[in-house]
N, C-alpha and C. Protein backbone atom coordinates (compact mmCIF):
# COMPACT_ATOMS: atom_id res chain seq x y z
N UNK A 1 22.40 -13.17 -103.04
CA UNK A 1 22.65 -12.75 -104.41
C UNK A 1 23.65 -13.72 -105.04
N UNK A 2 23.47 -13.93 -106.33
CA UNK A 2 24.34 -14.81 -107.10
C UNK A 2 25.06 -13.95 -108.14
N UNK A 3 26.19 -14.43 -108.60
CA UNK A 3 26.92 -13.71 -109.64
C UNK A 3 27.91 -14.63 -110.33
N UNK A 4 28.74 -14.06 -111.17
CA UNK A 4 29.85 -14.70 -111.88
C UNK A 4 29.44 -15.76 -112.89
N UNK A 5 30.02 -16.96 -112.80
CA UNK A 5 29.89 -17.98 -113.83
C UNK A 5 28.45 -18.36 -114.12
N UNK A 6 27.64 -18.56 -113.11
CA UNK A 6 26.25 -18.95 -113.32
C UNK A 6 25.48 -17.86 -114.06
N UNK A 7 25.80 -16.61 -113.80
CA UNK A 7 25.12 -15.50 -114.45
C UNK A 7 25.35 -15.49 -115.95
N UNK A 8 26.48 -16.00 -116.42
CA UNK A 8 26.81 -15.98 -117.84
C UNK A 8 25.84 -16.83 -118.66
N UNK A 9 25.20 -17.83 -118.07
CA UNK A 9 24.27 -18.68 -118.81
C UNK A 9 22.86 -18.10 -118.85
N UNK A 10 22.58 -17.06 -118.09
CA UNK A 10 21.26 -16.45 -118.04
C UNK A 10 21.14 -15.34 -119.09
N UNK A 11 20.02 -15.30 -119.78
CA UNK A 11 19.78 -14.26 -120.79
C UNK A 11 18.83 -13.22 -120.17
N UNK A 12 19.40 -12.18 -119.59
CA UNK A 12 18.60 -11.15 -118.94
C UNK A 12 17.95 -10.23 -119.96
N UNK A 13 16.72 -9.80 -119.67
CA UNK A 13 16.03 -8.82 -120.50
C UNK A 13 15.31 -7.84 -119.57
N UNK A 14 15.13 -6.64 -120.06
CA UNK A 14 14.53 -5.59 -119.25
C UNK A 14 13.03 -5.81 -119.11
N UNK A 15 12.54 -5.63 -117.92
CA UNK A 15 11.11 -5.76 -117.66
C UNK A 15 10.33 -4.63 -118.32
N UNK A 16 9.15 -4.93 -118.81
CA UNK A 16 8.30 -3.90 -119.40
C UNK A 16 7.78 -2.94 -118.33
N UNK A 17 7.90 -3.32 -117.06
CA UNK A 17 7.48 -2.46 -115.96
C UNK A 17 8.57 -1.48 -115.53
N UNK A 18 9.74 -1.57 -116.13
CA UNK A 18 10.86 -0.70 -115.75
C UNK A 18 10.71 0.68 -116.37
N UNK A 19 11.36 1.64 -115.74
CA UNK A 19 11.48 2.98 -116.30
C UNK A 19 12.95 3.41 -116.12
N UNK A 20 13.36 4.53 -116.68
CA UNK A 20 14.79 4.90 -116.62
C UNK A 20 15.38 4.99 -115.20
N UNK A 21 14.56 5.32 -114.20
CA UNK A 21 15.08 5.45 -112.84
C UNK A 21 15.05 4.13 -112.07
N UNK A 22 14.15 3.23 -112.42
CA UNK A 22 13.97 1.97 -111.69
C UNK A 22 14.00 0.80 -112.66
N UNK A 23 15.19 0.43 -113.08
CA UNK A 23 15.34 -0.61 -114.10
C UNK A 23 15.55 -1.98 -113.47
N UNK A 24 14.73 -2.92 -113.89
CA UNK A 24 14.84 -4.30 -113.43
C UNK A 24 14.96 -5.19 -114.65
N UNK A 25 15.87 -6.16 -114.58
CA UNK A 25 16.02 -7.14 -115.62
C UNK A 25 15.70 -8.51 -115.03
N UNK A 26 15.20 -9.40 -115.88
CA UNK A 26 14.89 -10.75 -115.42
C UNK A 26 15.34 -11.76 -116.46
N UNK A 27 15.51 -13.00 -115.99
CA UNK A 27 15.93 -14.09 -116.88
C UNK A 27 15.25 -15.37 -116.43
N UNK A 28 14.91 -16.22 -117.39
CA UNK A 28 14.37 -17.54 -117.10
C UNK A 28 15.51 -18.38 -116.55
N UNK A 29 15.33 -18.92 -115.36
CA UNK A 29 16.38 -19.73 -114.72
C UNK A 29 16.05 -21.22 -114.76
N UNK A 30 15.01 -21.59 -115.50
CA UNK A 30 14.63 -23.00 -115.63
C UNK A 30 13.74 -23.48 -114.51
N UNK A 31 12.94 -24.50 -114.81
CA UNK A 31 12.03 -25.10 -113.82
C UNK A 31 11.08 -24.09 -113.18
N UNK A 32 10.67 -23.06 -113.93
CA UNK A 32 9.75 -22.06 -113.41
C UNK A 32 10.40 -20.96 -112.60
N UNK A 33 11.70 -21.08 -112.33
CA UNK A 33 12.41 -20.08 -111.54
C UNK A 33 12.82 -18.89 -112.41
N UNK A 34 13.13 -17.79 -111.78
CA UNK A 34 13.56 -16.59 -112.49
C UNK A 34 14.66 -15.89 -111.69
N UNK A 35 15.52 -15.21 -112.41
CA UNK A 35 16.57 -14.40 -111.79
C UNK A 35 16.25 -12.93 -112.06
N UNK A 36 16.45 -12.08 -111.07
CA UNK A 36 16.21 -10.64 -111.21
C UNK A 36 17.45 -9.87 -110.79
N UNK A 37 17.69 -8.75 -111.48
CA UNK A 37 18.82 -7.90 -111.11
C UNK A 37 18.51 -6.45 -111.46
N UNK A 38 19.28 -5.57 -110.89
CA UNK A 38 19.22 -4.14 -111.18
C UNK A 38 20.01 -3.89 -112.45
N UNK A 39 19.37 -3.41 -113.50
CA UNK A 39 20.07 -3.23 -114.77
C UNK A 39 21.13 -2.13 -114.71
N UNK A 40 21.01 -1.23 -113.75
CA UNK A 40 22.00 -0.17 -113.62
C UNK A 40 23.23 -0.64 -112.85
N UNK A 41 23.12 -1.77 -112.15
CA UNK A 41 24.23 -2.32 -111.36
C UNK A 41 24.31 -3.83 -111.50
N UNK A 42 24.42 -4.36 -112.72
CA UNK A 42 24.41 -5.82 -112.91
C UNK A 42 25.58 -6.53 -112.25
N UNK A 43 26.66 -5.82 -112.00
CA UNK A 43 27.83 -6.44 -111.38
C UNK A 43 27.58 -6.81 -109.93
N UNK A 44 26.49 -6.34 -109.36
CA UNK A 44 26.16 -6.65 -107.97
C UNK A 44 25.43 -7.99 -107.83
N UNK A 45 25.25 -8.70 -108.95
CA UNK A 45 24.64 -10.02 -108.90
C UNK A 45 23.14 -9.98 -109.13
N UNK A 46 22.49 -11.08 -108.83
CA UNK A 46 21.06 -11.19 -109.07
C UNK A 46 20.40 -11.98 -107.96
N UNK A 47 19.09 -11.86 -107.87
CA UNK A 47 18.28 -12.57 -106.90
C UNK A 47 17.57 -13.71 -107.62
N UNK A 48 17.70 -14.91 -107.11
CA UNK A 48 17.07 -16.08 -107.73
C UNK A 48 15.77 -16.39 -106.99
N UNK A 49 14.66 -16.43 -107.74
CA UNK A 49 13.35 -16.73 -107.18
C UNK A 49 12.89 -18.09 -107.69
N UNK A 50 12.41 -18.95 -106.79
CA UNK A 50 11.88 -20.22 -107.26
C UNK A 50 10.54 -19.97 -107.96
N UNK A 51 9.97 -20.99 -108.56
CA UNK A 51 8.74 -20.80 -109.32
C UNK A 51 7.59 -20.23 -108.52
N UNK A 52 7.43 -20.69 -107.28
CA UNK A 52 6.36 -20.18 -106.41
C UNK A 52 6.56 -18.69 -106.12
N UNK A 53 7.78 -18.31 -105.77
CA UNK A 53 8.09 -16.91 -105.47
C UNK A 53 7.88 -16.02 -106.70
N UNK A 54 8.34 -16.49 -107.86
CA UNK A 54 8.23 -15.72 -109.10
C UNK A 54 6.75 -15.50 -109.44
N UNK A 55 5.94 -16.55 -109.36
CA UNK A 55 4.51 -16.42 -109.66
C UNK A 55 3.80 -15.50 -108.68
N UNK A 56 4.20 -15.56 -107.41
CA UNK A 56 3.61 -14.67 -106.41
C UNK A 56 3.96 -13.21 -106.72
N UNK A 57 5.19 -12.94 -107.09
CA UNK A 57 5.60 -11.59 -107.45
C UNK A 57 4.82 -11.10 -108.67
N UNK A 58 4.72 -11.92 -109.69
CA UNK A 58 3.97 -11.53 -110.88
C UNK A 58 2.50 -11.25 -110.56
N UNK A 59 1.94 -12.04 -109.66
CA UNK A 59 0.55 -11.82 -109.25
C UNK A 59 0.33 -10.48 -108.58
N UNK A 60 1.33 -10.01 -107.86
CA UNK A 60 1.23 -8.71 -107.17
C UNK A 60 1.41 -7.55 -108.12
N UNK A 61 2.33 -7.66 -109.07
CA UNK A 61 2.64 -6.51 -109.93
C UNK A 61 1.76 -6.42 -111.16
N UNK A 62 1.03 -7.45 -111.48
CA UNK A 62 0.17 -7.39 -112.68
C UNK A 62 -1.13 -6.72 -112.39
């Protein structure tokens, strides 16, 4: 998990797949990568996925 200074440059937005009990936010991290975090606990940092991992995740949830 990543946090602090690097997180400040990321613009997180709530996923359209989220609901009030299971909230996920994501941000474009550049070069096809994405950052994901729990919107109810953003202080716990975020998970950084490279482009391949991000596309694989999107393929599963779509």
